[in-house]
Amino acid sequence: MEYLTRSTEETEALGQRLAALLRPGDVVAYYGGLGMGKTAFTRGLARGLGSTSRVTSPTFTIVNEYEGPIPLFHFDLYRLGSAEELFEIGWEDYLDRSGICAVEWSEQAEGALPEDRIQVTFRRSEENEDWRRIVVEGVKER
């Protein structure tokens, strides 16, 4: 499904709506360049999963954890050199913790991501460079 968001608030609201469709163990793989709204989308995911934590980009820490009825593990793989490095920080342990893994810069670790992941692609809209076209694929009807 393809969505057009015209503001950060709309991007967050879309993330919140997606959260209602997620189940423990799901991996949400983000694709898109810098400044596309991935962290804003994750703020909405966290809110939709019941977290009241402040969501920030984990660029320098690789992963941030947000508590809630369903925990959210927010990864930023921008600085990762390979998929192997993801395993070194305990990727498999996160997958086993019955939370949601939201992964920015998924391109960096394609081989480590499950095939049944949910894929979210962010790109600028042709109509207005401040708007985002967000394509969500792989969400199963529940």
C-alpha atoms as a PDB file:
ATOM      1  CA  MET A   1       0.000   0.000   0.000  1.00  0.00           C
ATOM      2  CA  GLU A   2       1.208   3.487  -0.799  1.00  0.00           C
ATOM      3  CA  TYR A   3       0.628   6.538   1.371  1.00  0.00           C
ATOM      4  CA  LEU A   4       1.349  10.245   0.999  1.00  0.00           C
ATOM      5  CA  THR A   5       2.251  12.142   4.160  1.00  0.00           C
ATOM      6  CA  ARG A   6       2.448  15.919   4.123  1.00  0.00           C
ATOM      7  CA  SER A   7       3.991  16.489   7.562  1.00  0.00           C
ATOM      8  CA  THR A   8       5.974  14.867  10.333  1.00  0.00           C
ATOM      9  CA  GLU A   9       2.718  14.460  12.269  1.00  0.00           C
ATOM     10  CA  GLU A  10       1.116  12.552   9.388  1.00  0.00           C
ATOM     11  CA  THR A  11       4.197  10.321   9.111  1.00  0.00           C
ATOM     12  CA  GLU A  12       3.986   9.575  12.852  1.00  0.00           C
ATOM     13  CA  ALA A  13       0.256   8.848  12.555  1.00  0.00           C
ATOM     14  CA  LEU A  14       0.942   6.369   9.754  1.00  0.00           C
ATOM     15  CA  GLY A  15       3.496   4.601  11.966  1.00  0.00           C
ATOM     16  CA  GLN A  16       0.927   4.452  14.749  1.00  0.00           C
ATOM     17  CA  ARG A  17      -1.631   2.900  12.387  1.00  0.00           C
ATOM     18  CA  LEU A  18       0.872   0.261  11.259  1.00  0.00           C
ATOM     19  CA  ALA A  19       1.614  -0.633  14.890  1.00  0.00           C
ATOM     20  CA  ALA A  20      -1.964  -1.889  15.266  1.00  0.00           C
ATOM     21  CA  LEU A  21      -1.233  -4.549  12.612  1.00  0.00           C
ATOM     22  CA  LEU A  22       2.037  -5.794  14.105  1.00  0.00           C
ATOM     23  CA  ARG A  23       2.598  -8.843  16.261  1.00  0.00           C
ATOM     24  CA  PRO A  24       5.472  -9.768  18.574  1.00  0.00           C
ATOM     25  CA  GLY A  25       8.417 -10.987  16.528  1.00  0.00           C
ATOM     26  CA  ASP A  26       7.713  -8.831  13.461  1.00  0.00           C
ATOM     27  CA  VAL A  27      10.618  -7.110  11.716  1.00  0.00           C
ATOM     28  CA  VAL A  28       9.915  -3.795   9.987  1.00  0.00           C
ATOM     29  CA  ALA A  29      12.692  -2.992   7.495  1.00  0.00           C
ATOM     30  CA  TYR A  30      13.035   0.658   6.451  1.00  0.00           C
ATOM     31  CA  TYR A  31      14.484   1.765   3.111  1.00  0.00           C
ATOM     32  CA  GLY A  32      15.134   5.375   2.131  1.00  0.00           C
ATOM     33  CA  GLY A  33      17.707   8.135   2.360  1.00  0.00           C
ATOM     34  CA  LEU A  34      18.566  10.650   5.044  1.00  0.00           C
ATOM     35  CA  GLY A  35      15.777  12.915   6.234  1.00  0.00           C
ATOM     36  CA  MET A  36      12.951  10.789   4.838  1.00  0.00           C
ATOM     37  CA  GLY A  37      10.996  10.433   8.102  1.00  0.00           C
ATOM     38  CA  LYS A  38      12.117   7.035   9.373  1.00  0.00           C
ATOM     39  CA  THR A  39      12.567   8.182  12.965  1.00  0.00           C
ATOM     40  CA  ALA A  40       9.243  10.079  12.897  1.00  0.00           C
ATOM     41  CA  PHE A  41       7.559   6.914  11.624  1.00  0.00           C
ATOM     42  CA  THR A  42       9.197   5.003  14.493  1.00  0.00           C
ATOM     43  CA  ARG A  43       7.836   7.536  17.015  1.00  0.00           C
ATOM     44  CA  GLY A  44       4.377   6.633  15.752  1.00  0.00           C
ATOM     45  CA  LEU A  45       5.144   2.908  15.925  1.00  0.00           C
ATOM     46  CA  ALA A  46       6.283   3.283  19.535  1.00  0.00           C
ATOM     47  CA  ARG A  47       3.165   5.230  20.480  1.00  0.00           C
ATOM     48  CA  GLY A  48       0.980   2.654  18.733  1.00  0.00           C
ATOM     49  CA  LEU A  49       2.701  -0.133  20.676  1.00  0.00           C
ATOM     50  CA  GLY A  50       1.945   1.621  23.966  1.00  0.00           C
ATOM     51  CA  SER A  51       5.365   3.106  24.706  1.00  0.00           C
ATOM     52  CA  THR A  52       5.613   6.498  26.373  1.00  0.00           C
ATOM     53  CA  SER A  53       9.395   6.695  25.888  1.00  0.00           C
ATOM     54  CA  ARG A  54      11.062   9.519  23.990  1.00  0.00           C
ATOM     55  CA  VAL A  55      12.086   8.087  20.607  1.00  0.00           C
ATOM     56  CA  THR A  56      15.395   9.245  19.142  1.00  0.00           C
ATOM     57  CA  SER A  57      17.575   7.998  16.315  1.00  0.00           C
ATOM     58  CA  PRO A  58      20.013   5.299  17.448  1.00  0.00           C
ATOM     59  CA  THR A  59      22.659   6.383  14.905  1.00  0.00           C
ATOM     60  CA  PHE A  60      25.538   6.182  17.373  1.00  0.00           C
ATOM     61  CA  THR A  61      24.222   3.417  19.645  1.00  0.00           C
ATOM     62  CA  ILE A  62      22.966   1.117  16.828  1.00  0.00           C
ATOM     63  CA  VAL A  63      19.855   0.119  18.833  1.00  0.00           C
ATOM     64  CA  ASN A  64      17.432   1.836  21.230  1.00  0.00           C
ATOM     65  CA  GLU A  65      14.906  -0.122  23.254  1.00  0.00           C
ATOM     66  CA  TYR A  66      11.475   1.245  24.114  1.00  0.00           C
ATOM     67  CA  GLU A  67       9.377  -0.409  26.798  1.00  0.00           C
ATOM     68  CA  GLY A  68       5.676  -1.020  26.360  1.00  0.00           C
ATOM     69  CA  PRO A  69       3.164  -3.872  26.255  1.00  0.00           C
ATOM     70  CA  ILE A  70       5.077  -4.952  23.144  1.00  0.00           C
ATOM     71  CA  PRO A  71       8.698  -3.764  23.297  1.00  0.00           C
ATOM     72  CA  LEU A  72      10.167  -1.914  20.330  1.00  0.00           C
ATOM     73  CA  PHE A  73      13.806  -2.374  19.312  1.00  0.00           C
ATOM     74  CA  HIS A  74      14.818   0.489  17.013  1.00  0.00           C
ATOM     75  CA  PHE A  75      17.966  -0.211  14.982  1.00  0.00           C
ATOM     76  CA  ASP A  76      19.959   2.225  12.853  1.00  0.00           C
ATOM     77  CA  LEU A  77      22.404   0.301  10.666  1.00  0.00           C
ATOM     78  CA  TYR A  78      23.853   3.328   8.868  1.00  0.00           C
ATOM     79  CA  ARG A  79      27.276   2.846  10.458  1.00  0.00           C
ATOM     80  CA  LEU A  80      27.306  -0.931  10.116  1.00  0.00           C
ATOM     81  CA  GLY A  81      29.956  -2.375   7.828  1.00  0.00           C
ATOM     82  CA  SER A  82      28.256  -5.713   7.190  1.00  0.00           C
ATOM     83  CA  ALA A  83      25.433  -8.045   8.193  1.00  0.00           C
ATOM     84  CA  GLU A  84      27.952  -9.929  10.334  1.00  0.00           C
ATOM     85  CA  GLU A  85      28.282  -6.901  12.616  1.00  0.00           C
ATOM     86  CA  LEU A  86      24.549  -7.080  13.296  1.00  0.00           C
ATOM     87  CA  PHE A  87      24.944 -10.612  14.635  1.00  0.00           C
ATOM     88  CA  GLU A  88      27.844  -9.434  16.810  1.00  0.00           C
ATOM     89  CA  ILE A  89      25.536  -7.019  18.668  1.00  0.00           C
ATOM     90  CA  GLY A  90      23.018  -9.776  19.401  1.00  0.00           C
ATOM     91  CA  TRP A  91      20.549  -9.543  16.507  1.00  0.00           C
ATOM     92  CA  GLU A  92      19.242 -13.078  17.076  1.00  0.00           C
ATOM     93  CA  ASP A  93      18.605 -12.300  20.748  1.00  0.00           C
ATOM     94  CA  TYR A  94      16.453  -9.308  19.773  1.00  0.00           C
ATOM     95  CA  LEU A  95      14.480 -11.486  17.362  1.00  0.00           C
ATOM     96  CA  ASP A  96      13.778 -13.932  20.207  1.00  0.00           C
ATOM     97  CA  ARG A  97      12.548 -11.292  22.681  1.00  0.00           C
ATOM     98  CA  SER A  98       8.934 -11.099  21.403  1.00  0.00           C
ATOM     99  CA  GLY A  99       9.136  -7.461  20.448  1.00  0.00           C
ATOM    100  CA  ILE A 100       9.051  -5.505  17.219  1.00  0.00           C
ATOM    101  CA  CYS A 101      12.345  -4.782  15.449  1.00  0.00           C
ATOM    102  CA  ALA A 102      12.258  -1.564  13.405  1.00  0.00           C
ATOM    103  CA  VAL A 103      15.388  -1.379  11.253  1.00  0.00           C
ATOM    104  CA  GLU A 104      16.615   1.819   9.600  1.00  0.00           C
ATOM    105  CA  TRP A 105      19.099   1.417   6.722  1.00  0.00           C
ATOM    106  CA  SER A 106      18.083  -2.201   6.166  1.00  0.00           C
ATOM    107  CA  GLU A 107      20.174  -2.208   2.992  1.00  0.00           C
ATOM    108  CA  GLN A 108      23.220  -2.600   5.240  1.00  0.00           C
ATOM    109  CA  ALA A 109      22.150  -6.049   6.477  1.00  0.00           C
ATOM    110  CA  GLU A 110      19.953  -7.654   3.822  1.00  0.00           C
ATOM    111  CA  GLY A 111      21.312 -11.141   4.548  1.00  0.00           C
ATOM    112  CA  ALA A 112      20.394 -10.924   8.229  1.00  0.00           C
ATOM    113  CA  LEU A 113      16.767  -9.877   7.783  1.00  0.00           C
ATOM    114  CA  PRO A 114      14.008 -12.485   7.680  1.00  0.00           C
ATOM    115  CA  GLU A 115      12.265 -13.006   4.354  1.00  0.00           C
ATOM    116  CA  ASP A 116       8.829 -12.443   5.891  1.00  0.00           C
ATOM    117  CA  ARG A 117       9.681  -8.925   7.057  1.00  0.00           C
ATOM    118  CA  ILE A 118       7.467  -5.897   6.566  1.00  0.00           C
ATOM    119  CA  GLN A 119       9.143  -3.478   4.186  1.00  0.00           C
ATOM    120  CA  VAL A 120       8.607   0.278   4.408  1.00  0.00           C
ATOM    121  CA  THR A 121      10.131   2.456   1.683  1.00  0.00           C
ATOM    122  CA  PHE A 122      10.386   6.227   2.122  1.00  0.00           C
ATOM    123  CA  ARG A 123      10.927   8.677  -0.732  1.00  0.00           C
ATOM    124  CA  ARG A 124      10.234  12.299  -1.516  1.00  0.00           C
ATOM    125  CA  SER A 125       7.010  13.083  -3.316  1.00  0.00           C
ATOM    126  CA  GLU A 126       7.239  14.512  -6.808  1.00  0.00           C
ATOM    127  CA  GLU A 127       4.501  17.032  -5.922  1.00  0.00           C
ATOM    128  CA  ASN A 128       6.355  18.634  -3.018  1.00  0.00           C
ATOM    129  CA  GLU A 129       9.828  17.809  -1.689  1.00  0.00           C
ATOM    130  CA  ASP A 130       8.596  18.176   1.906  1.00  0.00           C
ATOM    131  CA  TRP A 131       5.988  15.436   1.400  1.00  0.00           C
ATOM    132  CA  ARG A 132       6.779  11.722   1.625  1.00  0.00           C
ATOM    133  CA  ARG A 133       5.575   8.748  -0.376  1.00  0.00           C
ATOM    134  CA  ILE A 134       5.665   5.765   1.946  1.00  0.00           C
ATOM    135  CA  VAL A 135       5.138   2.263   0.566  1.00  0.00           C
ATOM    136  CA  VAL A 136       4.309  -0.506   3.047  1.00  0.00           C
ATOM    137  CA  GLU A 137       4.640  -4.105   1.868  1.00  0.00           C
ATOM    138  CA  GLY A 138       4.336  -7.458   3.567  1.00  0.00           C
ATOM    139  CA  VAL A 139       1.708  -6.674   6.204  1.00  0.00           C
ATOM    140  CA  LYS A 140      -0.396  -9.752   6.740  1.00  0.00           C
ATOM    141  CA  GLU A 141      -4.122  -9.456   7.295  1.00  0.00           C
ATOM    142  CA  ARG A 142      -4.863 -10.313  10.911  1.00  0.00           C
END
